[in-house]
Amino acid sequence: MAEKIWKTLPLAQTQLNLQTTLFSGQAFRWYSLPSSNSYISVLQNTLLEIRHEQNLLHYKTHCSDLSDTNVELLIRDYFRLDTDLVALYEVWSTSSGVFKKKATDFPGIRSLRQDPVENLFTFICTQNNNISRITGMIEKLCEKYGKYIDTLDDKKYYAFPTIDSLCGDNIEQELRDLGFGYRAKYVAKTAKDLKEKGVDWLFSLRTQPYEDVKAELLKFHGIGPKVADCICLMSLDKLDVVPVDTHVRQIAIRDFNFPNLKNKTISADMYAKIGALFKDIFGKYAGWAHSVLFVADLSAFKDPAKRKNSDEESNLENDENEIVKKLKEKDDK
């Protein structure tokens, strides 16, 4: 097979920071290729390699059934390139002096438009977890149940598993053997429930009102308020939604004068009020703006030398309220 040729899209550096966007806890299947200063992942059964330099986004596929036109459309959709991020930063900076101070050091942070199936199952695995461990778990899941796509530099790449592949009779025990702990039960049960509803149903949530979508997501095993909001924001087009955890609460208290009530847990009322606070300040893209502030506040990203492949241990530890905590089993390992 002839090697694919690099193609390019004009894109200013201020419109996309690949390192920060790909390794900030939104997605967990991107890998860096230092030899080519690029990044690689599987999207829609396509092994895609990208790099960004001199205001050009370079990309090529190593294995794909997509036409060149559809590959470009995939990239534009995934990174939401039709949205002018520089213009959004200007609006957010006008709305918030705090944002304006951070914007210079953290340009180009995009909210990814991910596949809802992958996003849903991935974020079930984020509970009480860190980026490094989540990445390892998702890699094991793909190796075990995903379709083999290609091998590059001795590394095998797989597609994310289909719902059908996660509905086997032994799936829960197999996932426990892979180190998923109590999350194995959530993945197994959610896969069966989602199979009954169908993939098209999940994608249809993109056009439904946020309140209805969140209510549906909360019916799945292992999905609490924050995980539901992450899915809404990252794959279901609810860009005003702000997932709230202890870290976001700290930002609200320190930077936006949210009352510090000294509560150890985040009540439903507090959760709603923090989300409303961000929406009042940043409007219909509040979830995206919150993601920029979230990343800017993580210690691993404050030092530019550490921005690549960050493993911020605390940034994905969910304060998912008592509902999810009570679902945890004693044999979590």
Protein backbone atom coordinates (compact mmCIF):
# COMPACT_ATOMS: atom_id res chain seq x y z
CA MET A 1 0.00 0.00 0.00
CA ALA A 2 1.41 3.34 -1.05
CA GLU A 3 2.09 5.79 1.75
CA LYS A 4 -0.56 8.46 2.02
CA ILE A 5 0.45 12.04 1.28
CA TRP A 6 0.15 14.80 3.86
CA LYS A 7 -2.70 17.18 3.15
CA THR A 8 -3.21 20.59 4.71
CA LEU A 9 -5.91 22.91 5.99
CA PRO A 10 -5.18 26.61 6.62
CA LEU A 11 -5.57 27.13 10.34
CA ALA A 12 -4.00 29.79 12.54
CA GLN A 13 -2.09 28.62 15.61
CA THR A 14 -4.50 30.66 17.73
CA GLN A 15 -7.39 28.58 16.42
CA LEU A 16 -6.08 25.23 17.68
CA ASN A 17 -3.55 24.08 20.25
CA LEU A 18 -3.25 20.36 19.56
CA GLN A 19 -1.21 19.43 22.62
CA THR A 20 -3.50 21.06 25.12
CA THR A 21 -6.75 20.15 23.39
CA LEU A 22 -5.92 16.46 22.91
CA PHE A 23 -4.40 15.79 26.33
CA SER A 24 -6.61 17.83 28.64
CA GLY A 25 -9.00 15.07 29.66
CA GLN A 26 -11.56 15.28 26.86
CA ALA A 27 -10.35 12.29 24.86
CA PHE A 28 -8.06 9.42 25.80
CA ARG A 29 -6.99 7.71 22.58
CA TRP A 30 -4.58 10.22 21.09
CA TYR A 31 -0.87 9.37 21.09
CA SER A 32 2.12 11.56 20.31
CA LEU A 33 4.62 10.59 17.62
CA PRO A 34 7.78 12.53 18.55
CA SER A 35 9.63 11.46 15.40
CA SER A 36 7.20 13.43 13.23
CA ASN A 37 6.01 15.93 15.87
CA SER A 38 2.48 14.68 15.26
CA TYR A 39 -0.45 12.95 16.98
CA ILE A 40 -2.37 9.87 15.98
CA SER A 41 -5.68 8.22 16.80
CA VAL A 42 -8.52 6.19 15.30
CA LEU A 43 -11.64 8.12 14.35
CA GLN A 44 -14.49 6.46 12.44
CA ASN A 45 -12.33 3.40 11.69
CA THR A 46 -9.71 5.72 10.24
CA LEU A 47 -6.14 5.87 11.56
CA LEU A 48 -5.53 9.60 11.42
CA GLU A 49 -2.24 11.43 11.96
CA ILE A 50 -2.16 15.20 12.41
CA ARG A 51 0.26 18.00 13.19
CA HIS A 52 -0.06 21.78 13.29
CA GLU A 53 2.69 24.16 12.26
CA GLN A 54 3.12 27.51 10.50
CA ASN A 55 -0.65 28.11 10.47
CA LEU A 56 -1.33 24.87 8.62
CA LEU A 57 -3.03 21.76 9.97
CA HIS A 58 -1.32 18.80 8.31
CA TYR A 59 -3.09 15.44 8.21
CA LYS A 60 -2.90 12.04 6.58
CA THR A 61 -4.57 8.67 6.97
CA HIS A 62 -2.73 5.38 7.31
CA CYS A 63 -5.78 3.19 6.88
CA SER A 64 -9.16 4.50 5.83
CA ASP A 65 -12.17 3.77 3.67
CA LEU A 66 -13.08 7.46 3.67
CA SER A 67 -12.58 9.68 0.65
CA ASP A 68 -10.25 12.67 0.96
CA THR A 69 -13.29 14.93 1.13
CA ASN A 70 -14.82 12.93 3.97
CA VAL A 71 -11.56 12.86 5.92
CA GLU A 72 -11.47 16.65 5.80
CA LEU A 73 -15.11 16.78 6.89
CA LEU A 74 -14.31 14.41 9.76
CA ILE A 75 -11.49 16.67 10.96
CA ARG A 76 -13.60 19.81 10.67
CA ASP A 77 -16.42 18.18 12.60
CA TYR A 78 -14.25 16.64 15.32
CA PHE A 79 -12.41 19.88 16.08
CA ARG A 80 -15.43 22.12 15.39
CA LEU A 81 -13.31 24.09 12.94
CA ASP A 82 -16.30 25.99 11.58
CA THR A 83 -16.43 27.85 14.89
CA ASP A 84 -14.13 30.87 15.04
CA LEU A 85 -12.34 30.30 18.35
CA VAL A 86 -10.44 33.59 18.24
CA ALA A 87 -13.76 35.43 18.09
CA LEU A 88 -15.07 33.40 21.02
CA TYR A 89 -11.96 34.19 23.07
CA GLU A 90 -12.56 37.88 22.42
CA VAL A 91 -16.16 37.62 23.61
CA TRP A 92 -15.18 35.62 26.69
CA SER A 93 -12.37 38.07 27.48
CA THR A 94 -14.84 40.94 27.32
CA SER A 95 -17.16 39.06 29.68
CA SER A 96 -14.48 38.11 32.19
CA GLY A 97 -11.24 39.75 33.27
CA VAL A 98 -10.16 36.38 34.69
CA PHE A 99 -10.55 34.76 31.29
CA LYS A 100 -8.71 37.61 29.58
CA LYS A 101 -5.68 37.11 31.84
CA LYS A 102 -5.50 33.39 31.06
CA ALA A 103 -6.31 33.58 27.35
CA THR A 104 -2.84 34.74 26.28
CA ASP A 105 -1.11 31.71 27.78
CA PHE A 106 -3.79 29.21 26.73
CA PRO A 107 -4.93 29.94 23.17
CA GLY A 108 -6.54 27.43 20.85
CA ILE A 109 -8.26 25.12 23.34
CA ARG A 110 -11.13 23.50 21.50
CA SER A 111 -14.11 21.53 22.71
CA LEU A 112 -14.04 18.30 20.71
CA ARG A 113 -17.18 16.90 19.04
CA GLN A 114 -16.70 13.24 19.84
CA ASP A 115 -18.54 10.09 18.91
CA PRO A 116 -21.31 9.73 21.54
CA VAL A 117 -20.84 5.98 22.00
CA GLU A 118 -17.12 6.27 22.68
CA ASN A 119 -17.60 9.35 24.81
CA LEU A 120 -20.31 7.73 26.95
CA PHE A 121 -18.41 4.54 27.74
CA THR A 122 -15.13 6.40 28.21
CA PHE A 123 -16.58 8.72 30.80
CA ILE A 124 -18.15 5.86 32.71
CA CYS A 125 -14.53 4.82 33.22
CA THR A 126 -13.38 8.25 34.44
CA GLN A 127 -14.97 7.99 37.87
CA ASN A 128 -12.39 8.36 40.65
CA ASN A 129 -9.65 7.98 38.09
CA ASN A 130 -6.77 9.86 36.46
CA ILE A 131 -5.80 10.42 32.85
CA SER A 132 -3.03 7.84 32.79
CA ARG A 133 -5.20 5.05 34.19
CA ILE A 134 -8.21 5.97 32.06
CA THR A 135 -6.03 5.90 28.93
CA GLY A 136 -4.79 2.43 29.86
CA MET A 137 -8.29 1.12 30.52
CA ILE A 138 -9.67 2.43 27.23
CA GLU A 139 -6.70 1.02 25.34
CA LYS A 140 -7.38 -2.41 26.87
CA LEU A 141 -11.06 -2.11 25.98
CA CYS A 142 -10.23 -1.37 22.34
CA GLU A 143 -7.62 -4.12 22.09
CA LYS A 144 -10.04 -6.68 23.52
CA TYR A 145 -13.27 -5.73 21.72
CA GLY A 146 -12.44 -3.22 18.98
CA LYS A 147 -11.81 -3.84 15.29
CA TYR A 148 -8.12 -3.98 14.33
CA ILE A 149 -7.31 -1.04 12.04
CA ASP A 150 -3.57 -0.93 11.34
CA THR A 151 -0.05 -1.16 12.76
CA LEU A 152 2.36 1.76 12.76
CA ASP A 153 5.85 1.68 14.26
CA ASP A 154 5.09 -1.69 15.88
CA LYS A 155 1.99 -0.33 17.65
CA LYS A 156 -1.40 -1.80 16.80
CA TYR A 157 -4.39 0.52 16.56
CA TYR A 158 -8.01 -0.46 17.08
CA ALA A 159 -11.40 1.14 16.62
CA PHE A 160 -13.54 1.78 19.65
CA PRO A 161 -15.77 -1.25 20.32
CA THR A 162 -19.28 -1.40 18.93
CA ILE A 163 -22.18 -1.69 21.35
CA ASP A 164 -22.78 -5.26 20.18
CA SER A 165 -19.22 -6.24 21.03
CA LEU A 166 -19.75 -5.02 24.60
CA CYS A 167 -22.90 -7.11 25.12
CA GLY A 168 -21.34 -10.55 25.52
CA ASP A 169 -22.55 -12.79 28.34
CA ASN A 170 -19.14 -12.74 30.05
CA ILE A 171 -18.33 -9.08 29.50
CA GLU A 172 -18.49 -8.00 33.13
CA GLN A 173 -16.05 -10.63 34.35
CA GLU A 174 -13.75 -10.08 31.39
CA LEU A 175 -13.60 -6.37 32.19
CA ARG A 176 -12.89 -7.10 35.83
CA ASP A 177 -10.01 -9.29 34.71
CA LEU A 178 -8.75 -6.30 32.70
CA GLY A 179 -8.73 -4.13 35.83
CA PHE A 180 -11.98 -2.18 35.41
CA GLY A 181 -13.15 -2.96 38.97
CA TYR A 182 -16.71 -1.77 39.75
CA ARG A 183 -16.85 0.03 36.39
CA ALA A 184 -17.10 -3.36 34.65
CA LYS A 185 -20.68 -3.70 35.86
CA TYR A 186 -21.57 -0.24 34.61
CA VAL A 187 -20.10 -0.86 31.15
CA ALA A 188 -21.82 -4.23 30.80
CA LYS A 189 -25.26 -3.03 31.90
CA THR A 190 -25.11 0.22 29.96
CA ALA A 191 -24.11 -1.62 26.77
CA LYS A 192 -27.18 -3.86 27.00
CA ASP A 193 -29.49 -0.95 27.79
CA LEU A 194 -28.06 1.12 24.95
CA LYS A 195 -28.38 -1.78 22.51
CA GLU A 196 -32.11 -1.84 23.19
CA LYS A 197 -32.40 1.87 22.42
CA GLY A 198 -30.02 1.84 19.45
CA VAL A 199 -27.09 3.99 18.33
CA ASP A 200 -29.39 6.24 16.30
CA TRP A 201 -31.30 7.07 19.48
CA LEU A 202 -28.08 8.20 21.19
CA PHE A 203 -27.12 10.42 18.25
CA SER A 204 -30.65 11.84 18.17
CA LEU A 205 -30.03 13.34 21.61
CA ARG A 206 -27.93 16.00 19.90
CA THR A 207 -31.12 17.70 18.78
CA GLN A 208 -33.11 17.28 22.01
CA PRO A 209 -33.38 19.80 24.88
CA TYR A 210 -30.62 19.58 27.47
CA GLU A 211 -32.92 18.77 30.40
CA ASP A 212 -34.44 15.82 28.52
CA VAL A 213 -31.03 14.55 27.39
CA LYS A 214 -29.53 14.64 30.87
CA ALA A 215 -32.55 12.85 32.31
CA GLU A 216 -32.09 10.05 29.77
CA LEU A 217 -28.36 9.74 30.44
CA LEU A 218 -28.91 9.52 34.20
CA LYS A 219 -30.94 6.35 33.64
CA PHE A 220 -27.80 4.46 32.62
CA HIS A 221 -25.80 2.55 35.22
CA GLY A 222 -22.83 4.46 36.58
CA ILE A 223 -23.72 7.83 35.08
CA GLY A 224 -24.13 10.63 37.62
CA PRO A 225 -24.68 14.37 37.09
CA LYS A 226 -21.11 15.32 36.16
CA VAL A 227 -20.51 12.42 33.78
CA ALA A 228 -23.87 13.12 32.13
CA ASP A 229 -22.85 16.74 31.63
CA CYS A 230 -19.46 15.75 30.22
CA ILE A 231 -21.25 13.62 27.63
CA CYS A 232 -23.68 16.46 26.88
CA LEU A 233 -20.82 18.90 26.36
CA MET A 234 -18.32 16.70 24.54
CA SER A 235 -20.48 14.70 22.15
CA LEU A 236 -24.11 15.83 22.28
CA ASP A 237 -23.73 19.48 21.23
CA LYS A 238 -24.74 21.05 24.54
CA LEU A 239 -21.93 23.61 24.54
CA ASP A 240 -23.42 25.75 27.29
CA VAL A 241 -23.33 22.88 29.81
CA VAL A 242 -20.72 23.06 32.59
CA PRO A 243 -19.71 19.78 34.27
CA VAL A 244 -19.10 20.66 37.91
CA ASP A 245 -16.65 18.93 40.22
CA THR A 246 -14.59 20.09 43.18
CA HIS A 247 -12.01 21.67 40.86
CA VAL A 248 -14.61 23.72 39.00
CA ARG A 249 -16.17 24.68 42.31
CA GLN A 250 -12.81 26.02 43.48
CA ILE A 251 -12.53 28.12 40.31
CA ALA A 252 -16.02 29.50 40.89
CA ILE A 253 -15.19 30.44 44.49
CA ARG A 254 -11.76 31.91 43.82
CA ASP A 255 -12.37 33.71 40.52
CA PHE A 256 -16.10 34.45 40.36
CA ASN A 257 -17.11 35.13 43.97
CA PHE A 258 -19.23 32.03 44.37
CA PRO A 259 -20.07 31.58 48.09
CA ASN A 260 -17.69 29.27 49.92
CA LEU A 261 -20.07 27.25 52.08
CA LYS A 262 -17.34 24.86 53.31
CA ASN A 263 -19.37 21.84 52.17
CA LYS A 264 -17.24 18.81 51.43
CA THR A 265 -19.65 17.52 48.80
CA ILE A 266 -21.46 19.32 46.01
CA SER A 267 -25.20 19.31 46.53
CA ALA A 268 -27.64 19.30 43.61
CA ASP A 269 -28.50 22.93 44.40
CA MET A 270 -24.85 24.00 44.48
CA TYR A 271 -24.16 22.10 41.26
CA ALA A 272 -26.97 23.92 39.47
CA LYS A 273 -25.96 27.34 40.80
CA ILE A 274 -22.31 26.94 39.71
CA GLY A 275 -23.42 25.91 36.23
CA ALA A 276 -25.79 28.88 36.08
CA LEU A 277 -22.98 31.21 37.17
CA PHE A 278 -20.79 30.19 34.23
CA LYS A 279 -23.73 30.45 31.82
CA ASP A 280 -24.53 33.96 33.03
CA ILE A 281 -20.94 35.04 32.36
CA PHE A 282 -20.10 33.13 29.16
CA GLY A 283 -23.45 32.49 27.50
CA LYS A 284 -24.23 29.74 24.99
CA TYR A 285 -20.62 28.50 24.88
CA ALA A 286 -20.19 28.44 28.66
CA GLY A 287 -19.09 24.80 28.70
CA TRP A 288 -16.34 25.51 26.18
CA ALA A 289 -15.17 28.60 28.08
CA HIS A 290 -15.17 26.62 31.31
CA SER A 291 -12.91 24.02 29.64
CA VAL A 292 -10.32 26.70 28.91
CA LEU A 293 -10.36 27.93 32.51
CA PHE A 294 -10.25 24.34 33.76
CA VAL A 295 -7.15 23.52 31.73
CA ALA A 296 -5.45 26.81 32.61
CA ASP A 297 -5.87 26.01 36.29
CA LEU A 298 -4.26 22.56 36.18
CA SER A 299 -0.74 22.48 37.53
CA ALA A 300 0.50 20.22 34.75
CA PHE A 301 -0.48 22.80 32.12
CA LYS A 302 0.79 25.87 33.95
CA ASP A 303 4.33 24.73 33.17
CA PRO A 304 4.72 24.69 29.35
CA ALA A 305 7.34 21.94 29.62
CA LYS A 306 4.71 19.64 31.06
CA ARG A 307 1.85 20.36 28.69
CA LYS A 308 2.47 17.40 26.43
CA ASN A 309 0.77 14.16 27.50
CA SER A 310 -0.19 15.66 30.84
CA ASP A 311 -1.16 13.31 33.65
CA GLU A 312 -2.89 15.59 36.10
CA GLU A 313 -3.81 13.14 38.84
CA SER A 314 -6.70 15.05 40.32
CA ASN A 315 -8.43 16.64 37.36
CA LEU A 316 -10.78 13.76 36.61
CA GLU A 317 -11.65 12.71 40.14
CA ASN A 318 -15.40 13.16 40.04
CA ASP A 319 -17.36 14.46 42.97
CA GLU A 320 -20.35 12.61 41.58
CA ASN A 321 -22.55 12.94 44.68
CA GLU A 322 -23.77 10.13 46.88
CA ILE A 323 -25.80 8.40 44.17
CA VAL A 324 -22.78 7.08 42.31
CA LYS A 325 -20.73 6.53 45.46
CA LYS A 326 -23.36 4.15 46.83
CA LEU A 327 -23.21 2.15 43.62
CA LYS A 328 -19.53 1.35 44.13
CA GLU A 329 -18.82 -2.22 45.08
CA LYS A 330 -16.49 -3.39 47.81
CA ASP A 331 -14.22 -5.20 45.40
CA ASP A 332 -13.03 -2.09 43.56
CA LYS A 333 -9.37 -2.64 42.87
